[in-house]
Full PDB file with SEQRES, HELIX, SHEET, SSBOND, CRYST1, ORIGX, SCALE, CONECT and MASTER records, all heavy atoms in Angstrom:
SEQRES   1 A   41  ASN ARG SER LEU VAL LEU GLY PHE MET PRO VAL GLY LEU          
SEQRES   2 A   41  ALA TYR HIS ALA ALA TYR ALA VAL LEU VAL SER VAL MET          
SEQRES   3 A   41  MET ALA ILE LEU VAL LYS PHE ALA TRP PRO LYS HIS LEU          
SEQRES   4 A   41  GLU ASP                                                      
HELIX    1 AA1 VAL A   11  ALA A   34  1                                  24    
HELIX    2 AA2 LYS A   37  GLU A   40  5                                   4    
SHEET    1 AA1 2 LEU A   4  VAL A   5  0                                        
SHEET    2 AA1 2 MET A   9  PRO A  10 -1                                        
CRYST1    1.000    1.000    1.000  90.00  90.00  90.00 P 1           1          
ORIGX1      1.000000  0.000000  0.000000        0.00000                         
ORIGX2      0.000000  1.000000  0.000000        0.00000                         
ORIGX3      0.000000  0.000000  1.000000        0.00000                         
SCALE1      1.000000  0.000000  0.000000        0.00000                         
SCALE2      0.000000  1.000000  0.000000        0.00000                         
SCALE3      0.000000  0.000000  1.000000        0.00000                         
ATOM      1  N   ASN A   1      88.185 123.633 118.743  1.00  0.00           N  
ATOM      2  CA  ASN A   1      86.842 123.223 118.341  1.00  0.00           C  
ATOM      3  C   ASN A   1      85.966 123.016 119.571  1.00  0.00           C  
ATOM      4  O   ASN A   1      86.278 122.220 120.444  1.00  0.00           O  
ATOM      5  CB  ASN A   1      86.936 121.931 117.530  1.00  0.00           C  
ATOM      6  CG  ASN A   1      85.655 121.603 116.811  1.00  0.00           C  
ATOM      7  OD1 ASN A   1      84.591 122.053 117.184  1.00  0.00           O  
ATOM      8  ND2 ASN A   1      85.790 120.811 115.767  1.00  0.00           N  
ATOM      9  N   ARG A   2      84.836 123.735 119.646  1.00  0.00           N  
ATOM     10  CA  ARG A   2      83.943 123.636 120.799  1.00  0.00           C  
ATOM     11  C   ARG A   2      82.672 122.843 120.486  1.00  0.00           C  
ATOM     12  O   ARG A   2      81.744 122.831 121.283  1.00  0.00           O  
ATOM     13  CB  ARG A   2      83.558 125.024 121.286  1.00  0.00           C  
ATOM     14  CG  ARG A   2      84.722 125.789 121.870  1.00  0.00           C  
ATOM     15  CD  ARG A   2      84.212 127.075 122.493  1.00  0.00           C  
ATOM     16  NE  ARG A   2      85.239 127.692 123.291  1.00  0.00           N  
ATOM     17  CZ  ARG A   2      85.365 127.517 124.591  1.00  0.00           C  
ATOM     18  NH1 ARG A   2      84.545 126.744 125.235  1.00  0.00           N  
ATOM     19  NH2 ARG A   2      86.326 128.122 125.245  1.00  0.00           N  
ATOM     20  N   SER A   3      82.639 122.166 119.365  1.00  0.00           N  
ATOM     21  CA  SER A   3      81.431 121.415 119.014  1.00  0.00           C  
ATOM     22  C   SER A   3      81.321 120.148 119.869  1.00  0.00           C  
ATOM     23  O   SER A   3      82.293 119.667 120.444  1.00  0.00           O  
ATOM     24  CB  SER A   3      81.439 121.066 117.529  1.00  0.00           C  
ATOM     25  OG  SER A   3      82.568 120.310 117.205  1.00  0.00           O  
ATOM     26  N   LEU A   4      80.096 119.625 119.936  1.00  0.00           N  
ATOM     27  CA  LEU A   4      79.816 118.452 120.745  1.00  0.00           C  
ATOM     28  C   LEU A   4      79.485 117.252 119.861  1.00  0.00           C  
ATOM     29  O   LEU A   4      78.859 117.390 118.821  1.00  0.00           O  
ATOM     30  CB  LEU A   4      78.638 118.721 121.693  1.00  0.00           C  
ATOM     31  CG  LEU A   4      78.838 119.840 122.709  1.00  0.00           C  
ATOM     32  CD1 LEU A   4      77.554 120.051 123.502  1.00  0.00           C  
ATOM     33  CD2 LEU A   4      79.993 119.544 123.631  1.00  0.00           C  
ATOM     34  N   VAL A   5      79.889 116.074 120.303  1.00  0.00           N  
ATOM     35  CA  VAL A   5      79.561 114.827 119.625  1.00  0.00           C  
ATOM     36  C   VAL A   5      78.424 114.191 120.404  1.00  0.00           C  
ATOM     37  O   VAL A   5      78.476 114.096 121.634  1.00  0.00           O  
ATOM     38  CB  VAL A   5      80.797 113.905 119.574  1.00  0.00           C  
ATOM     39  CG1 VAL A   5      80.444 112.553 118.994  1.00  0.00           C  
ATOM     40  CG2 VAL A   5      81.916 114.560 118.793  1.00  0.00           C  
ATOM     41  N   LEU A   6      77.387 113.753 119.720  1.00  0.00           N  
ATOM     42  CA  LEU A   6      76.193 113.170 120.329  1.00  0.00           C  
ATOM     43  C   LEU A   6      75.503 114.137 121.287  1.00  0.00           C  
ATOM     44  O   LEU A   6      74.778 113.734 122.184  1.00  0.00           O  
ATOM     45  CB  LEU A   6      76.528 111.864 121.055  1.00  0.00           C  
ATOM     46  CG  LEU A   6      77.145 110.751 120.204  1.00  0.00           C  
ATOM     47  CD1 LEU A   6      77.530 109.568 121.076  1.00  0.00           C  
ATOM     48  CD2 LEU A   6      76.200 110.325 119.104  1.00  0.00           C  
ATOM     49  N   GLY A   7      75.781 115.417 121.136  1.00  0.00           N  
ATOM     50  CA  GLY A   7      75.101 116.437 121.910  1.00  0.00           C  
ATOM     51  C   GLY A   7      75.647 116.683 123.304  1.00  0.00           C  
ATOM     52  O   GLY A   7      75.160 117.572 123.999  1.00  0.00           O  
ATOM     53  N   PHE A   8      76.638 115.925 123.756  1.00  0.00           N  
ATOM     54  CA  PHE A   8      77.123 116.128 125.126  1.00  0.00           C  
ATOM     55  C   PHE A   8      78.639 116.004 125.286  1.00  0.00           C  
ATOM     56  O   PHE A   8      79.192 116.483 126.258  1.00  0.00           O  
ATOM     57  CB  PHE A   8      76.455 115.119 126.081  1.00  0.00           C  
ATOM     58  CG  PHE A   8      76.887 113.701 125.880  1.00  0.00           C  
ATOM     59  CD1 PHE A   8      77.923 113.169 126.618  1.00  0.00           C  
ATOM     60  CD2 PHE A   8      76.254 112.896 124.943  1.00  0.00           C  
ATOM     61  CE1 PHE A   8      78.325 111.849 126.446  1.00  0.00           C  
ATOM     62  CE2 PHE A   8      76.638 111.589 124.765  1.00  0.00           C  
ATOM     63  CZ  PHE A   8      77.676 111.063 125.516  1.00  0.00           C  
ATOM     64  N   MET A   9      79.311 115.358 124.364  1.00  0.00           N  
ATOM     65  CA  MET A   9      80.741 115.089 124.533  1.00  0.00           C  
ATOM     66  C   MET A   9      81.565 116.024 123.646  1.00  0.00           C  
ATOM     67  O   MET A   9      81.333 116.080 122.442  1.00  0.00           O  
ATOM     68  CB  MET A   9      81.046 113.630 124.161  1.00  0.00           C  
ATOM     69  CG  MET A   9      82.457 113.212 124.467  1.00  0.00           C  
ATOM     70  SD  MET A   9      82.838 111.510 123.977  1.00  0.00           S  
ATOM     71  CE  MET A   9      81.588 110.579 124.789  1.00  0.00           C  
ATOM     72  N   PRO A  10      82.510 116.752 124.251  1.00  0.00           N  
ATOM     73  CA  PRO A  10      83.380 117.599 123.427  1.00  0.00           C  
ATOM     74  C   PRO A  10      84.120 116.759 122.394  1.00  0.00           C  
ATOM     75  O   PRO A  10      84.478 115.607 122.642  1.00  0.00           O  
ATOM     76  CB  PRO A  10      84.353 118.198 124.437  1.00  0.00           C  
ATOM     77  CG  PRO A  10      83.682 118.057 125.753  1.00  0.00           C  
ATOM     78  CD  PRO A  10      82.822 116.853 125.675  1.00  0.00           C  
ATOM     79  N   VAL A  11      84.336 117.350 121.229  1.00  0.00           N  
ATOM     80  CA  VAL A  11      84.932 116.611 120.121  1.00  0.00           C  
ATOM     81  C   VAL A  11      86.340 116.110 120.470  1.00  0.00           C  
ATOM     82  O   VAL A  11      86.737 115.020 120.059  1.00  0.00           O  
ATOM     83  CB  VAL A  11      84.905 117.443 118.818  1.00  0.00           C  
ATOM     84  CG1 VAL A  11      85.847 118.618 118.887  1.00  0.00           C  
ATOM     85  CG2 VAL A  11      85.208 116.588 117.624  1.00  0.00           C  
ATOM     86  N   GLY A  12      87.082 116.849 121.264  1.00  0.00           N  
ATOM     87  CA  GLY A  12      88.415 116.402 121.662  1.00  0.00           C  
ATOM     88  C   GLY A  12      88.365 115.154 122.530  1.00  0.00           C  
ATOM     89  O   GLY A  12      89.178 114.242 122.387  1.00  0.00           O  
ATOM     90  N   LEU A  13      87.386 115.096 123.438  1.00  0.00           N  
ATOM     91  CA  LEU A  13      87.229 113.916 124.284  1.00  0.00           C  
ATOM     92  C   LEU A  13      86.766 112.711 123.462  1.00  0.00           C  
ATOM     93  O   LEU A  13      87.245 111.591 123.671  1.00  0.00           O  
ATOM     94  CB  LEU A  13      86.236 114.210 125.406  1.00  0.00           C  
ATOM     95  CG  LEU A  13      85.988 113.090 126.411  1.00  0.00           C  
ATOM     96  CD1 LEU A  13      87.286 112.704 127.105  1.00  0.00           C  
ATOM     97  CD2 LEU A  13      84.934 113.509 127.414  1.00  0.00           C  
ATOM     98  N   ALA A  14      85.860 112.937 122.534  1.00  0.00           N  
ATOM     99  CA  ALA A  14      85.410 111.854 121.653  1.00  0.00           C  
ATOM    100  C   ALA A  14      86.568 111.341 120.800  1.00  0.00           C  
ATOM    101  O   ALA A  14      86.697 110.134 120.584  1.00  0.00           O  
ATOM    102  CB  ALA A  14      84.266 112.343 120.764  1.00  0.00           C  
ATOM    103  N   TYR A  15      87.407 112.258 120.339  1.00  0.00           N  
ATOM    104  CA  TYR A  15      88.578 111.852 119.556  1.00  0.00           C  
ATOM    105  C   TYR A  15      89.496 110.968 120.390  1.00  0.00           C  
ATOM    106  O   TYR A  15      89.973 109.936 119.925  1.00  0.00           O  
ATOM    107  CB  TYR A  15      89.333 113.091 119.064  1.00  0.00           C  
ATOM    108  CG  TYR A  15      90.581 112.751 118.297  1.00  0.00           C  
ATOM    109  CD1 TYR A  15      90.516 112.411 116.961  1.00  0.00           C  
ATOM    110  CD2 TYR A  15      91.829 112.752 118.924  1.00  0.00           C  
ATOM    111  CE1 TYR A  15      91.663 112.078 116.252  1.00  0.00           C  
ATOM    112  CE2 TYR A  15      92.972 112.426 118.220  1.00  0.00           C  
ATOM    113  CZ  TYR A  15      92.882 112.092 116.887  1.00  0.00           C  
ATOM    114  OH  TYR A  15      94.010 111.758 116.196  1.00  0.00           O  
ATOM    115  N   HIS A  16      89.735 111.354 121.630  1.00  0.00           N  
ATOM    116  CA  HIS A  16      90.628 110.557 122.464  1.00  0.00           C  
ATOM    117  C   HIS A  16      90.006 109.222 122.865  1.00  0.00           C  
ATOM    118  O   HIS A  16      90.730 108.235 123.062  1.00  0.00           O  
ATOM    119  CB  HIS A  16      91.070 111.346 123.693  1.00  0.00           C  
ATOM    120  CG  HIS A  16      92.209 112.263 123.391  1.00  0.00           C  
ATOM    121  ND1 HIS A  16      93.494 111.826 123.224  1.00  0.00           N  
ATOM    122  CD2 HIS A  16      92.241 113.598 123.190  1.00  0.00           C  
ATOM    123  CE1 HIS A  16      94.280 112.847 122.946  1.00  0.00           C  
ATOM    124  NE2 HIS A  16      93.537 113.939 122.908  1.00  0.00           N  
ATOM    125  N   ALA A  17      88.702 109.151 122.979  1.00  0.00           N  
ATOM    126  CA  ALA A  17      88.042 107.864 123.227  1.00  0.00           C  
ATOM    127  C   ALA A  17      88.236 106.938 122.022  1.00  0.00           C  
ATOM    128  O   ALA A  17      88.572 105.759 122.179  1.00  0.00           O  
ATOM    129  CB  ALA A  17      86.557 108.081 123.509  1.00  0.00           C  
ATOM    130  N   ALA A  18      88.047 107.471 120.830  1.00  0.00           N  
ATOM    131  CA  ALA A  18      88.277 106.672 119.619  1.00  0.00           C  
ATOM    132  C   ALA A  18      89.758 106.315 119.491  1.00  0.00           C  
ATOM    133  O   ALA A  18      90.103 105.200 119.079  1.00  0.00           O  
ATOM    134  CB  ALA A  18      87.809 107.440 118.387  1.00  0.00           C  
ATOM    135  N   TYR A  19      90.635 107.225 119.877  1.00  0.00           N  
ATOM    136  CA  TYR A  19      92.073 106.957 119.832  1.00  0.00           C  
ATOM    137  C   TYR A  19      92.440 105.822 120.784  1.00  0.00           C  
ATOM    138  O   TYR A  19      93.268 104.973 120.452  1.00  0.00           O  
ATOM    139  CB  TYR A  19      92.852 108.235 120.185  1.00  0.00           C  
ATOM    140  CG  TYR A  19      94.328 108.028 120.214  1.00  0.00           C  
ATOM    141  CD1 TYR A  19      95.060 107.963 119.045  1.00  0.00           C  
ATOM    142  CD2 TYR A  19      94.998 107.863 121.423  1.00  0.00           C  
ATOM    143  CE1 TYR A  19      96.425 107.746 119.061  1.00  0.00           C  
ATOM    144  CE2 TYR A  19      96.360 107.652 121.452  1.00  0.00           C  
ATOM    145  CZ  TYR A  19      97.070 107.608 120.270  1.00  0.00           C  
ATOM    146  OH  TYR A  19      98.424 107.391 120.296  1.00  0.00           O  
ATOM    147  N   ALA A  20      91.824 105.788 121.965  1.00  0.00           N  
ATOM    148  CA  ALA A  20      92.095 104.719 122.927  1.00  0.00           C  
ATOM    149  C   ALA A  20      91.689 103.358 122.355  1.00  0.00           C  
ATOM    150  O   ALA A  20      92.385 102.358 122.545  1.00  0.00           O  
ATOM    151  CB  ALA A  20      91.371 104.987 124.233  1.00  0.00           C  
ATOM    152  N   VAL A  21      90.574 103.314 121.634  1.00  0.00           N  
ATOM    153  CA  VAL A  21      90.148 102.067 120.988  1.00  0.00           C  
ATOM    154  C   VAL A  21      91.164 101.677 119.911  1.00  0.00           C  
ATOM    155  O   VAL A  21      91.559 100.510 119.804  1.00  0.00           O  
ATOM    156  CB  VAL A  21      88.731 102.209 120.400  1.00  0.00           C  
ATOM    157  CG1 VAL A  21      88.364 101.009 119.556  1.00  0.00           C  
ATOM    158  CG2 VAL A  21      87.717 102.417 121.517  1.00  0.00           C  
ATOM    159  N   LEU A  22      91.619 102.640 119.126  1.00  0.00           N  
ATOM    160  CA  LEU A  22      92.625 102.384 118.095  1.00  0.00           C  
ATOM    161  C   LEU A  22      93.913 101.841 118.696  1.00  0.00           C  
ATOM    162  O   LEU A  22      94.500 100.882 118.185  1.00  0.00           O  
ATOM    163  CB  LEU A  22      92.912 103.659 117.298  1.00  0.00           C  
ATOM    164  CG  LEU A  22      94.058 103.586 116.294  1.00  0.00           C  
ATOM    165  CD1 LEU A  22      93.700 102.655 115.142  1.00  0.00           C  
ATOM    166  CD2 LEU A  22      94.410 104.967 115.791  1.00  0.00           C  
ATOM    167  N   VAL A  23      94.369 102.424 119.794  1.00  0.00           N  
ATOM    168  CA  VAL A  23      95.599 101.968 120.437  1.00  0.00           C  
ATOM    169  C   VAL A  23      95.419 100.550 120.983  1.00  0.00           C  
ATOM    170  O   VAL A  23      96.337  99.726 120.903  1.00  0.00           O  
ATOM    171  CB  VAL A  23      96.027 102.947 121.547  1.00  0.00           C  
ATOM    172  CG1 VAL A  23      97.139 102.375 122.397  1.00  0.00           C  
ATOM    173  CG2 VAL A  23      96.455 104.263 120.942  1.00  0.00           C  
ATOM    174  N   SER A  24      94.248 100.237 121.514  1.00  0.00           N  
ATOM    175  CA  SER A  24      93.989  98.878 122.006  1.00  0.00           C  
ATOM    176  C   SER A  24      94.060  97.864 120.875  1.00  0.00           C  
ATOM    177  O   SER A  24      94.637  96.778 121.031  1.00  0.00           O  
ATOM    178  CB  SER A  24      92.620  98.813 122.669  1.00  0.00           C  
ATOM    179  OG  SER A  24      92.573  99.657 123.776  1.00  0.00           O  
ATOM    180  N   VAL A  25      93.498  98.205 119.734  1.00  0.00           N  
ATOM    181  CA  VAL A  25      93.562  97.311 118.572  1.00  0.00           C  
ATOM    182  C   VAL A  25      95.001  97.170 118.100  1.00  0.00           C  
ATOM    183  O   VAL A  25      95.467  96.068 117.782  1.00  0.00           O  
ATOM    184  CB  VAL A  25      92.644  97.835 117.440  1.00  0.00           C  
ATOM    185  CG1 VAL A  25      92.877  97.076 116.146  1.00  0.00           C  
ATOM    186  CG2 VAL A  25      91.186  97.740 117.871  1.00  0.00           C  
ATOM    187  N   MET A  26      95.734  98.282 118.084  1.00  0.00           N  
ATOM    188  CA  MET A  26      97.132  98.225 117.674  1.00  0.00           C  
ATOM    189  C   MET A  26      97.945  97.334 118.609  1.00  0.00           C  
ATOM    190  O   MET A  26      98.767  96.529 118.163  1.00  0.00           O  
ATOM    191  CB  MET A  26      97.753  99.619 117.641  1.00  0.00           C  
ATOM    192  CG  MET A  26      99.207  99.601 117.206  1.00  0.00           C  
ATOM    193  SD  MET A  26     100.119 101.118 117.537  1.00  0.00           S  
ATOM    194  CE  MET A  26     100.216 101.100 119.310  1.00  0.00           C  
ATOM    195  N   MET A  27      97.719  97.439 119.910  1.00  0.00           N  
ATOM    196  CA  MET A  27      98.453  96.605 120.862  1.00  0.00           C  
ATOM    197  C   MET A  27      98.112  95.130 120.678  1.00  0.00           C  
ATOM    198  O   MET A  27      98.984  94.269 120.797  1.00  0.00           O  
ATOM    199  CB  MET A  27      98.171  97.047 122.294  1.00  0.00           C  
ATOM    200  CG  MET A  27      98.799  98.387 122.641  1.00  0.00           C  
ATOM    201  SD  MET A  27     100.588  98.433 122.398  1.00  0.00           S  
ATOM    202  CE  MET A  27     101.122  97.256 123.608  1.00  0.00           C  
ATOM    203  N   ALA A  28      96.856  94.817 120.378  1.00  0.00           N  
ATOM    204  CA  ALA A  28      96.480  93.427 120.117  1.00  0.00           C  
ATOM    205  C   ALA A  28      97.199  92.899 118.871  1.00  0.00           C  
ATOM    206  O   ALA A  28      97.677  91.760 118.857  1.00  0.00           O  
ATOM    207  CB  ALA A  28      94.967  93.318 119.954  1.00  0.00           C  
ATOM    208  N   ILE A  29      97.305  93.738 117.858  1.00  0.00           N  
ATOM    209  CA  ILE A  29      98.024  93.350 116.635  1.00  0.00           C  
ATOM    210  C   ILE A  29      99.498  93.139 116.937  1.00  0.00           C  
ATOM    211  O   ILE A  29     100.113  92.167 116.489  1.00  0.00           O  
ATOM    212  CB  ILE A  29      97.820  94.408 115.530  1.00  0.00           C  
ATOM    213  CG1 ILE A  29      96.380  94.379 115.040  1.00  0.00           C  
ATOM    214  CG2 ILE A  29      98.794  94.202 114.378  1.00  0.00           C  
ATOM    215  CD1 ILE A  29      96.013  95.535 114.140  1.00  0.00           C  
ATOM    216  N   LEU A  30     100.091  94.032 117.727  1.00  0.00           N  
ATOM    217  CA  LEU A  30     101.503  93.890 118.072  1.00  0.00           C  
ATOM    218  C   LEU A  30     101.760  92.623 118.885  1.00  0.00           C  
ATOM    219  O   LEU A  30     102.748  91.930 118.670  1.00  0.00           O  
ATOM    220  CB  LEU A  30     101.993  95.113 118.846  1.00  0.00           C  
ATOM    221  CG  LEU A  30     102.162  96.384 118.026  1.00  0.00           C  
ATOM    222  CD1 LEU A  30     102.489  97.557 118.930  1.00  0.00           C  
ATOM    223  CD2 LEU A  30     103.231  96.206 116.976  1.00  0.00           C  
ATOM    224  N   VAL A  31     100.873  92.306 119.819  1.00  0.00           N  
ATOM    225  CA  VAL A  31     101.050  91.086 120.608  1.00  0.00           C  
ATOM    226  C   VAL A  31     100.929  89.857 119.723  1.00  0.00           C  
ATOM    227  O   VAL A  31     101.684  88.899 119.859  1.00  0.00           O  
ATOM    228  CB  VAL A  31     100.031  91.045 121.769  1.00  0.00           C  
ATOM    229  CG1 VAL A  31      99.969  89.665 122.395  1.00  0.00           C  
ATOM    230  CG2 VAL A  31     100.382  92.084 122.815  1.00  0.00           C  
ATOM    231  N   LYS A  32      99.996  89.884 118.786  1.00  0.00           N  
ATOM    232  CA  LYS A  32      99.789  88.723 117.924  1.00  0.00           C  
ATOM    233  C   LYS A  32     100.974  88.501 116.976  1.00  0.00           C  
ATOM    234  O   LYS A  32     101.404  87.371 116.782  1.00  0.00           O  
ATOM    235  CB  LYS A  32      98.519  88.900 117.114  1.00  0.00           C  
ATOM    236  CG  LYS A  32      98.281  87.789 116.114  1.00  0.00           C  
ATOM    237  CD  LYS A  32      96.849  87.434 116.022  1.00  0.00           C  
ATOM    238  CE  LYS A  32      96.603  86.350 115.021  1.00  0.00           C  
ATOM    239  NZ  LYS A  32      96.842  85.029 115.556  1.00  0.00           N  
ATOM    240  N   PHE A  33     101.508  89.568 116.407  1.00  0.00           N  
ATOM    241  CA  PHE A  33     102.507  89.412 115.353  1.00  0.00           C  
ATOM    242  C   PHE A  33     103.939  89.757 115.756  1.00  0.00           C  
ATOM    243  O   PHE A  33     104.870  89.389 115.043  1.00  0.00           O  
ATOM    244  CB  PHE A  33     102.126  90.263 114.141  1.00  0.00           C  
ATOM    245  CG  PHE A  33     100.865  89.815 113.486  1.00  0.00           C  
ATOM    246  CD1 PHE A  33      99.710  90.570 113.597  1.00  0.00           C  
ATOM    247  CD2 PHE A  33     100.822  88.629 112.785  1.00  0.00           C  
ATOM    248  CE1 PHE A  33      98.534  90.153 112.998  1.00  0.00           C  
ATOM    249  CE2 PHE A  33      99.648  88.198 112.194  1.00  0.00           C  
ATOM    250  CZ  PHE A  33      98.506  88.967 112.300  1.00  0.00           C  
ATOM    251  N   ALA A  34     104.156  90.444 116.864  1.00  0.00           N  
ATOM    252  CA  ALA A  34     105.517  90.862 117.202  1.00  0.00           C  
ATOM    253  C   ALA A  34     105.961  90.404 118.585  1.00  0.00           C  
ATOM    254  O   ALA A  34     107.037  90.783 119.033  1.00  0.00           O  
ATOM    255  CB  ALA A  34     105.620  92.386 117.119  1.00  0.00           C  
ATOM    256  N   TRP A  35     105.160  89.613 119.271  1.00  0.00           N  
ATOM    257  CA  TRP A  35     105.545  89.145 120.606  1.00  0.00           C  
ATOM    258  C   TRP A  35     106.726  88.181 120.494  1.00  0.00           C  
ATOM    259  O   TRP A  35     106.687  87.249 119.704  1.00  0.00           O  
ATOM    260  CB  TRP A  35     104.359  88.441 121.265  1.00  0.00           C  
ATOM    261  CG  TRP A  35     104.604  88.115 122.702  1.00  0.00           C  
ATOM    262  CD1 TRP A  35     105.030  86.926 123.196  1.00  0.00           C  
ATOM    263  CD2 TRP A  35     104.444  88.980 123.822  1.00  0.00           C  
ATOM    264  NE1 TRP A  35     105.141  87.002 124.551  1.00  0.00           N  
ATOM    265  CE2 TRP A  35     104.791  88.250 124.974  1.00  0.00           C  
ATOM    266  CE3 TRP A  35     104.056  90.305 123.961  1.00  0.00           C  
ATOM    267  CZ2 TRP A  35     104.742  88.800 126.237  1.00  0.00           C  
ATOM    268  CZ3 TRP A  35     104.011  90.847 125.230  1.00  0.00           C  
ATOM    269  CH2 TRP A  35     104.354  90.091 126.345  1.00  0.00           C  
ATOM    270  N   PRO A  36     107.773  88.370 121.285  1.00  0.00           N  
ATOM    271  CA  PRO A  36     108.919  87.464 121.219  1.00  0.00           C  
ATOM    272  C   PRO A  36     108.540  86.066 121.727  1.00  0.00           C  
ATOM    273  O   PRO A  36     108.123  85.910 122.866  1.00  0.00           O  
ATOM    274  CB  PRO A  36     109.961  88.108 122.129  1.00  0.00           C  
ATOM    275  CG  PRO A  36     109.390  89.373 122.616  1.00  0.00           C  
ATOM    276  CD  PRO A  36     107.982  89.477 122.199  1.00  0.00           C  
ATOM    277  N   LYS A  37     108.690  85.085 120.873  1.00  0.00           N  
ATOM    278  CA  LYS A  37     108.278  83.717 121.209  1.00  0.00           C  
ATOM    279  C   LYS A  37     109.119  83.119 122.329  1.00  0.00           C  
ATOM    280  O   LYS A  37     108.640  82.289 123.084  1.00  0.00           O  
ATOM    281  CB  LYS A  37     108.368  82.816 119.967  1.00  0.00           C  
ATOM    282  CG  LYS A  37     107.514  83.280 118.821  1.00  0.00           C  
ATOM    283  CD  LYS A  37     106.053  83.177 119.148  1.00  0.00           C  
ATOM    284  CE  LYS A  37     105.250  83.592 117.920  1.00  0.00           C  
ATOM    285  NZ  LYS A  37     103.934  84.031 118.225  1.00  0.00           N  
ATOM    286  N   HIS A  38     110.365  83.542 122.464  1.00  0.00           N  
ATOM    287  CA  HIS A  38     111.217  82.956 123.498  1.00  0.00           C  
ATOM    288  C   HIS A  38     110.741  83.287 124.914  1.00  0.00           C  
ATOM    289  O   HIS A  38     111.091  82.607 125.863  1.00  0.00           O  
ATOM    290  CB  HIS A  38     112.675  83.391 123.305  1.00  0.00           C  
ATOM    291  CG  HIS A  38     112.922  84.828 123.631  1.00  0.00           C  
ATOM    292  ND1 HIS A  38     112.661  85.846 122.733  1.00  0.00           N  
ATOM    293  CD2 HIS A  38     113.376  85.417 124.757  1.00  0.00           C  
ATOM    294  CE1 HIS A  38     112.966  86.995 123.294  1.00  0.00           C  
ATOM    295  NE2 HIS A  38     113.398  86.767 124.523  1.00  0.00           N  
ATOM    296  N   LEU A  39     109.933  84.320 125.074  1.00  0.00           N  
ATOM    297  CA  LEU A  39     109.408  84.655 126.394  1.00  0.00           C  
ATOM    298  C   LEU A  39     108.371  83.648 126.876  1.00  0.00           C  
ATOM    299  O   LEU A  39     108.100  83.559 128.060  1.00  0.00           O  
ATOM    300  CB  LEU A  39     108.797  86.053 126.380  1.00  0.00           C  
ATOM    301  CG  LEU A  39     109.777  87.196 126.160  1.00  0.00           C  
ATOM    302  CD1 LEU A  39     109.034  88.519 126.128  1.00  0.00           C  
ATOM    303  CD2 LEU A  39     110.833  87.209 127.239  1.00  0.00           C  
ATOM    304  N   GLU A  40     107.787  82.898 125.953  1.00  0.00           N  
ATOM    305  CA  GLU A  40     106.795  81.899 126.314  1.00  0.00           C  
ATOM    306  C   GLU A  40     107.423  80.555 126.657  1.00  0.00           C  
ATOM    307  O   GLU A  40     106.756  79.676 127.183  1.00  0.00           O  
ATOM    308  CB  GLU A  40     105.800  81.711 125.162  1.00  0.00           C  
ATOM    309  CG  GLU A  40     105.053  82.977 124.794  1.00  0.00           C  
ATOM    310  CD  GLU A  40     104.210  83.518 125.945  1.00  0.00           C  
ATOM    311  OE1 GLU A  40     103.651  82.714 126.711  1.00  0.00           O  
ATOM    312  OE2 GLU A  40     104.144  84.754 126.077  1.00  0.00           O  
ATOM    313  N   ASP A  41     108.707  80.367 126.388  1.00  0.00           N  
ATOM    314  CA  ASP A  41     109.389  79.104 126.646  1.00  0.00           C  
ATOM    315  C   ASP A  41     109.936  79.074 128.070  1.00  0.00           C  
ATOM    316  O   ASP A  41     111.123  79.169 128.309  1.00  0.00           O  
ATOM    317  CB  ASP A  41     110.536  78.898 125.646  1.00  0.00           C  
ATOM    318  CG  ASP A  41     110.031  78.786 124.228  1.00  0.00           C  
ATOM    319  OD1 ASP A  41     108.873  78.362 124.060  1.00  0.00           O  
ATOM    320  OD2 ASP A  41     110.779  79.122 123.309  1.00  0.00           O  
TER     321      ASP A  41                                                      
MASTER        0    0    0    2    2    0    0    6  320    1    0    4          
END                                                                             
């Protein structure tokens, strides 16, 4: 796909930017709910 997002960004790069935001949210969720509590003791 050679189309542009917002007129300047290749769609693949825009996808990976959105993917990076998704991964950051996922990591925050994992830290909140799956972090081993014994590491904090």
